[in-house]
Amino acid sequence: MLPLITRTELLSRMESGSVVVVDTMPVAYFDKEHLPEARNIPGFPYEQAAEFTDRLAPVVLPDKAAAIVVYCANTPCRNSEFVGRRLLELGYTNVRKYREGIEDWVANDLPTWSSS
């Protein structure tokens, strides 16, 4: 299991620019709504999470030492766990998970972005 980060700590790290946020939802969901400045590495379908991560991580996460936070929809969602674990296998050293996901973020009236 990945180390966790709270919403409060994530918001603080985002405001200070000291974290890279990775949305692990499918592209259509990412395009509709994501955390500000988030990058997308889909973790669904689960069978393709490693393939997506292998292909996209070098492009969207060039610094393997960067502080990275992965998230998906909510606590039961497993996308972020699949992508986060694969990032660790690829040599990323500082990966955490915002377990409550975008549903919690939105429920607390925090801003989101859209790609469309």
N, C-alpha and C. Protein backbone atom coordinates (compact mmCIF):
# COMPACT_ATOMS: atom_id res chain seq x y z
N MET A 1 0.85 -1.19 0.00
CA MET A 1 0.00 0.00 0.00
C MET A 1 0.89 1.25 0.00
N LEU A 2 0.46 2.23 -0.75
CA LEU A 2 1.22 3.48 -0.85
C LEU A 2 1.04 4.33 0.40
N PRO A 3 2.06 5.12 0.76
CA PRO A 3 1.87 6.09 1.84
C PRO A 3 0.79 7.09 1.43
N LEU A 4 0.06 7.58 2.42
CA LEU A 4 -1.07 8.47 2.14
C LEU A 4 -0.73 9.93 2.42
N ILE A 5 -1.51 10.82 1.80
CA ILE A 5 -1.42 12.25 2.05
C ILE A 5 -2.85 12.74 2.29
N THR A 6 -3.00 13.66 3.22
CA THR A 6 -4.33 14.22 3.50
C THR A 6 -4.67 15.31 2.50
N ARG A 7 -5.95 15.63 2.40
CA ARG A 7 -6.39 16.72 1.53
C ARG A 7 -5.72 18.04 1.94
N THR A 8 -5.66 18.30 3.23
CA THR A 8 -5.07 19.54 3.73
C THR A 8 -3.60 19.64 3.35
N GLU A 9 -2.86 18.55 3.54
CA GLU A 9 -1.44 18.57 3.19
C GLU A 9 -1.25 18.68 1.68
N LEU A 10 -2.08 17.97 0.92
CA LEU A 10 -1.98 18.05 -0.54
C LEU A 10 -2.23 19.47 -1.02
N LEU A 11 -3.27 20.11 -0.51
CA LEU A 11 -3.57 21.49 -0.90
C LEU A 11 -2.40 22.41 -0.59
N SER A 12 -1.83 22.25 0.58
CA SER A 12 -0.67 23.07 0.97
C SER A 12 0.51 22.83 0.03
N ARG A 13 0.78 21.57 -0.29
CA ARG A 13 1.89 21.24 -1.20
C ARG A 13 1.63 21.76 -2.61
N MET A 14 0.37 21.72 -3.04
CA MET A 14 0.02 22.26 -4.36
C MET A 14 0.22 23.77 -4.39
N GLU A 15 -0.21 24.44 -3.34
CA GLU A 15 -0.08 25.90 -3.28
C GLU A 15 1.39 26.33 -3.28
N SER A 16 2.25 25.51 -2.67
CA SER A 16 3.67 25.86 -2.62
C SER A 16 4.44 25.36 -3.86
N GLY A 17 3.75 24.61 -4.72
CA GLY A 17 4.40 24.10 -5.93
C GLY A 17 5.41 23.00 -5.66
N SER A 18 5.24 22.29 -4.54
CA SER A 18 6.23 21.28 -4.16
C SER A 18 5.75 19.85 -4.38
N VAL A 19 4.78 19.68 -5.26
CA VAL A 19 4.26 18.34 -5.54
C VAL A 19 3.77 18.28 -6.98
N VAL A 20 3.89 17.10 -7.58
CA VAL A 20 3.32 16.84 -8.90
C VAL A 20 2.12 15.93 -8.67
N VAL A 21 0.96 16.36 -9.14
CA VAL A 21 -0.28 15.61 -8.93
C VAL A 21 -0.61 14.80 -10.18
N VAL A 22 -0.95 13.53 -9.98
CA VAL A 22 -1.27 12.64 -11.09
C VAL A 22 -2.68 12.08 -10.92
N ASP A 23 -3.54 12.42 -11.85
CA ASP A 23 -4.90 11.89 -11.92
C ASP A 23 -4.82 10.54 -12.63
N THR A 24 -5.38 9.50 -12.03
CA THR A 24 -5.29 8.16 -12.62
C THR A 24 -6.61 7.69 -13.22
N MET A 25 -7.50 8.63 -13.46
CA MET A 25 -8.78 8.30 -14.08
C MET A 25 -8.60 8.16 -15.59
N PRO A 26 -9.54 7.45 -16.27
CA PRO A 26 -9.49 7.39 -17.73
C PRO A 26 -9.51 8.80 -18.34
N VAL A 27 -8.98 8.92 -19.53
CA VAL A 27 -8.80 10.23 -20.18
C VAL A 27 -10.09 11.04 -20.22
N ALA A 28 -11.21 10.42 -20.54
CA ALA A 28 -12.48 11.16 -20.65
C ALA A 28 -12.85 11.80 -19.31
N TYR A 29 -12.62 11.11 -18.21
CA TYR A 29 -12.90 11.66 -16.88
C TYR A 29 -11.92 12.78 -16.55
N PHE A 30 -10.65 12.56 -16.88
CA PHE A 30 -9.63 13.59 -16.66
C PHE A 30 -9.99 14.86 -17.42
N ASP A 31 -10.36 14.70 -18.68
CA ASP A 31 -10.70 15.87 -19.50
C ASP A 31 -11.88 16.63 -18.91
N LYS A 32 -12.83 15.93 -18.32
CA LYS A 32 -14.02 16.56 -17.75
C LYS A 32 -13.69 17.34 -16.48
N GLU A 33 -12.87 16.73 -15.59
CA GLU A 33 -12.57 17.39 -14.32
C GLU A 33 -11.37 16.73 -13.65
N HIS A 34 -10.44 17.58 -13.19
CA HIS A 34 -9.29 17.07 -12.46
C HIS A 34 -8.76 18.15 -11.52
N LEU A 35 -7.89 17.76 -10.61
CA LEU A 35 -7.28 18.73 -9.71
C LEU A 35 -6.40 19.68 -10.51
N PRO A 36 -6.27 20.94 -10.08
CA PRO A 36 -5.47 21.92 -10.81
C PRO A 36 -4.05 21.41 -11.09
N GLU A 37 -3.63 21.61 -12.32
CA GLU A 37 -2.29 21.25 -12.79
C GLU A 37 -1.98 19.76 -12.77
N ALA A 38 -3.00 18.93 -12.55
CA ALA A 38 -2.77 17.48 -12.55
C ALA A 38 -2.37 16.99 -13.93
N ARG A 39 -1.58 15.94 -13.92
CA ARG A 39 -1.20 15.23 -15.15
C ARG A 39 -1.97 13.92 -15.15
N ASN A 40 -2.12 13.30 -16.30
CA ASN A 40 -2.96 12.11 -16.39
C ASN A 40 -2.16 10.88 -16.78
N ILE A 41 -2.26 9.84 -15.94
CA ILE A 41 -1.79 8.50 -16.28
C ILE A 41 -2.95 7.57 -15.91
N PRO A 42 -3.73 7.12 -16.90
CA PRO A 42 -4.89 6.28 -16.59
C PRO A 42 -4.50 4.97 -15.90
N GLY A 43 -5.26 4.63 -14.89
CA GLY A 43 -5.05 3.38 -14.18
C GLY A 43 -6.17 2.39 -14.42
N PHE A 44 -6.99 2.67 -15.41
CA PHE A 44 -8.11 1.80 -15.73
C PHE A 44 -8.25 1.71 -17.23
N PRO A 45 -8.54 0.56 -17.80
CA PRO A 45 -8.75 -0.71 -17.12
C PRO A 45 -7.49 -1.18 -16.39
N TYR A 46 -7.71 -1.83 -15.26
CA TYR A 46 -6.60 -2.22 -14.38
C TYR A 46 -5.53 -3.02 -15.12
N GLU A 47 -5.95 -3.87 -16.04
CA GLU A 47 -5.00 -4.71 -16.78
C GLU A 47 -4.04 -3.87 -17.62
N GLN A 48 -4.41 -2.63 -17.90
CA GLN A 48 -3.56 -1.77 -18.73
C GLN A 48 -2.83 -0.69 -17.92
N ALA A 49 -3.03 -0.67 -16.60
CA ALA A 49 -2.43 0.39 -15.78
C ALA A 49 -0.91 0.40 -15.90
N ALA A 50 -0.27 -0.76 -15.85
CA ALA A 50 1.19 -0.81 -15.95
C ALA A 50 1.66 -0.33 -17.32
N GLU A 51 0.96 -0.76 -18.37
CA GLU A 51 1.31 -0.34 -19.73
C GLU A 51 1.19 1.18 -19.88
N PHE A 52 0.07 1.75 -19.41
CA PHE A 52 -0.11 3.20 -19.48
C PHE A 52 0.99 3.92 -18.69
N THR A 53 1.29 3.41 -17.51
CA THR A 53 2.30 4.05 -16.65
C THR A 53 3.67 3.97 -17.30
N ASP A 54 4.02 2.80 -17.83
CA ASP A 54 5.32 2.63 -18.49
C ASP A 54 5.48 3.61 -19.65
N ARG A 55 4.41 3.82 -20.41
CA ARG A 55 4.48 4.67 -21.59
C ARG A 55 4.44 6.16 -21.23
N LEU A 56 3.60 6.54 -20.27
CA LEU A 56 3.37 7.96 -20.00
C LEU A 56 4.28 8.56 -18.94
N ALA A 57 4.70 7.77 -17.96
CA ALA A 57 5.49 8.33 -16.85
C ALA A 57 6.75 9.07 -17.32
N PRO A 58 7.55 8.52 -18.24
CA PRO A 58 8.75 9.25 -18.65
C PRO A 58 8.43 10.63 -19.26
N VAL A 59 7.25 10.78 -19.84
CA VAL A 59 6.86 12.03 -20.47
C VAL A 59 6.29 13.01 -19.44
N VAL A 60 5.35 12.56 -18.62
CA VAL A 60 4.67 13.48 -17.71
C VAL A 60 5.37 13.59 -16.36
N LEU A 61 6.28 12.66 -16.05
CA LEU A 61 7.01 12.69 -14.77
C LEU A 61 8.50 12.44 -15.01
N PRO A 62 9.18 13.39 -15.64
CA PRO A 62 10.59 13.16 -15.97
C PRO A 62 11.53 13.06 -14.76
N ASP A 63 11.14 13.64 -13.63
CA ASP A 63 12.00 13.65 -12.44
C ASP A 63 11.57 12.54 -11.47
N LYS A 64 12.36 11.47 -11.41
CA LYS A 64 12.01 10.33 -10.56
C LYS A 64 12.12 10.64 -9.07
N ALA A 65 12.75 11.75 -8.72
CA ALA A 65 12.88 12.12 -7.30
C ALA A 65 11.81 13.12 -6.86
N ALA A 66 10.98 13.57 -7.79
CA ALA A 66 9.95 14.56 -7.45
C ALA A 66 8.93 13.97 -6.48
N ALA A 67 8.34 14.85 -5.67
CA ALA A 67 7.23 14.44 -4.81
C ALA A 67 5.99 14.30 -5.70
N ILE A 68 5.44 13.10 -5.72
CA ILE A 68 4.31 12.78 -6.60
C ILE A 68 3.14 12.31 -5.74
N VAL A 69 1.95 12.81 -6.07
CA VAL A 69 0.73 12.34 -5.42
C VAL A 69 -0.21 11.82 -6.50
N VAL A 70 -0.65 10.58 -6.35
CA VAL A 70 -1.62 9.98 -7.27
C VAL A 70 -2.99 9.97 -6.60
N TYR A 71 -4.04 10.11 -7.41
CA TYR A 71 -5.39 10.03 -6.88
C TYR A 71 -6.31 9.49 -7.96
N CYS A 72 -7.49 9.03 -7.53
CA CYS A 72 -8.54 8.65 -8.48
C CYS A 72 -9.87 9.17 -7.98
N ALA A 73 -10.95 8.41 -8.12
CA ALA A 73 -12.27 8.94 -7.82
C ALA A 73 -12.57 9.06 -6.33
N ASN A 74 -12.31 7.98 -5.58
CA ASN A 74 -12.71 7.92 -4.18
C ASN A 74 -11.94 6.79 -3.49
N THR A 75 -12.25 6.55 -2.24
CA THR A 75 -11.52 5.54 -1.47
C THR A 75 -11.58 4.14 -2.09
N PRO A 76 -12.74 3.64 -2.57
CA PRO A 76 -12.74 2.30 -3.16
C PRO A 76 -12.01 2.19 -4.50
N CYS A 77 -11.81 3.29 -5.19
CA CYS A 77 -11.16 3.28 -6.50
C CYS A 77 -9.72 2.77 -6.37
N ARG A 78 -9.32 1.87 -7.27
CA ARG A 78 -7.99 1.26 -7.17
C ARG A 78 -6.99 1.79 -8.20
N ASN A 79 -7.43 2.66 -9.10
CA ASN A 79 -6.55 3.17 -10.15
C ASN A 79 -5.25 3.72 -9.59
N SER A 80 -5.35 4.57 -8.57
CA SER A 80 -4.15 5.24 -8.05
C SER A 80 -3.19 4.25 -7.41
N GLU A 81 -3.71 3.20 -6.82
CA GLU A 81 -2.84 2.18 -6.23
C GLU A 81 -2.04 1.47 -7.32
N PHE A 82 -2.70 1.11 -8.43
CA PHE A 82 -2.01 0.44 -9.53
C PHE A 82 -0.93 1.33 -10.14
N VAL A 83 -1.27 2.58 -10.43
CA VAL A 83 -0.31 3.50 -11.04
C VAL A 83 0.81 3.83 -10.05
N GLY A 84 0.46 4.12 -8.81
CA GLY A 84 1.47 4.46 -7.81
C GLY A 84 2.47 3.34 -7.57
N ARG A 85 1.99 2.12 -7.45
CA ARG A 85 2.90 0.98 -7.25
C ARG A 85 3.81 0.80 -8.46
N ARG A 86 3.26 0.99 -9.66
CA ARG A 86 4.08 0.85 -10.87
C ARG A 86 5.15 1.94 -10.92
N LEU A 87 4.80 3.15 -10.50
CA LEU A 87 5.80 4.23 -10.46
C LEU A 87 6.95 3.84 -9.54
N LEU A 88 6.64 3.25 -8.39
CA LEU A 88 7.70 2.81 -7.47
C LEU A 88 8.57 1.74 -8.15
N GLU A 89 7.94 0.81 -8.84
CA GLU A 89 8.68 -0.24 -9.56
C GLU A 89 9.59 0.36 -10.63
N LEU A 90 9.18 1.49 -11.20
CA LEU A 90 9.97 2.15 -12.24
C LEU A 90 11.08 3.04 -11.67
N GLY A 91 11.17 3.12 -10.34
CA GLY A 91 12.26 3.87 -9.73
C GLY A 91 11.90 5.23 -9.18
N TYR A 92 10.62 5.59 -9.19
CA TYR A 92 10.20 6.84 -8.57
C TYR A 92 10.29 6.65 -7.05
N THR A 93 10.81 7.64 -6.37
CA THR A 93 11.17 7.44 -4.97
C THR A 93 10.26 8.12 -3.95
N ASN A 94 9.34 8.99 -4.40
CA ASN A 94 8.54 9.75 -3.45
C ASN A 94 7.09 9.81 -3.93
N VAL A 95 6.40 8.68 -3.84
CA VAL A 95 5.03 8.57 -4.35
C VAL A 95 4.07 8.36 -3.18
N ARG A 96 3.05 9.21 -3.14
CA ARG A 96 2.01 9.08 -2.11
C ARG A 96 0.65 9.08 -2.78
N LYS A 97 -0.37 8.70 -2.01
CA LYS A 97 -1.72 8.59 -2.55
C LYS A 97 -2.69 9.45 -1.75
N TYR A 98 -3.50 10.20 -2.48
CA TYR A 98 -4.63 10.92 -1.89
C TYR A 98 -5.81 9.98 -2.01
N ARG A 99 -6.01 9.17 -0.99
CA ARG A 99 -6.95 8.06 -1.00
C ARG A 99 -8.39 8.48 -1.26
N GLU A 100 -8.81 9.60 -0.71
CA GLU A 100 -10.21 10.02 -0.82
C GLU A 100 -10.59 10.52 -2.21
N GLY A 101 -9.61 10.93 -2.99
CA GLY A 101 -9.82 11.26 -4.40
C GLY A 101 -10.61 12.51 -4.70
N ILE A 102 -10.94 12.65 -5.97
CA ILE A 102 -11.57 13.87 -6.45
C ILE A 102 -12.97 14.08 -5.85
N GLU A 103 -13.66 13.00 -5.49
CA GLU A 103 -14.98 13.19 -4.87
C GLU A 103 -14.86 13.98 -3.57
N ASP A 104 -13.86 13.66 -2.77
CA ASP A 104 -13.62 14.38 -1.52
C ASP A 104 -13.21 15.82 -1.80
N TRP A 105 -12.35 16.01 -2.79
CA TRP A 105 -11.87 17.34 -3.17
C TRP A 105 -13.05 18.25 -3.53
N VAL A 106 -13.92 17.74 -4.40
CA VAL A 106 -15.09 18.51 -4.86
C VAL A 106 -16.06 18.74 -3.70
N ALA A 107 -16.27 17.72 -2.87
CA ALA A 107 -17.19 17.85 -1.73
C ALA A 107 -16.75 18.93 -0.75
N ASN A 108 -15.46 19.27 -0.78
CA ASN A 108 -14.93 20.31 0.09
C ASN A 108 -14.74 21.64 -0.64
N ASP A 109 -15.44 21.77 -1.78
CA ASP A 109 -15.48 23.03 -2.56
C ASP A 109 -14.11 23.53 -2.99
N LEU A 110 -13.23 22.60 -3.31
CA LEU A 110 -11.91 23.00 -3.81
C LEU A 110 -11.94 23.05 -5.34
N PRO A 111 -11.09 23.87 -5.93
CA PRO A 111 -11.17 24.09 -7.38
C PRO A 111 -10.73 22.88 -8.20
N THR A 112 -11.35 22.74 -9.37
CA THR A 112 -10.95 21.74 -10.34
C THR A 112 -10.78 22.41 -11.69
N TRP A 113 -10.08 21.72 -12.57
CA TRP A 113 -9.88 22.20 -13.93
C TRP A 113 -10.54 21.24 -14.90
N SER A 114 -10.75 21.71 -16.09
CA SER A 114 -11.29 20.90 -17.18
C SER A 114 -10.39 21.07 -18.39
N SER A 115 -10.23 20.00 -19.16
CA SER A 115 -9.41 20.08 -20.37
C SER A 115 -10.24 20.44 -21.59
N SER A 116 -11.56 20.48 -21.41
CA SER A 116 -12.41 20.74 -22.59
C SER A 116 -12.87 22.18 -22.62
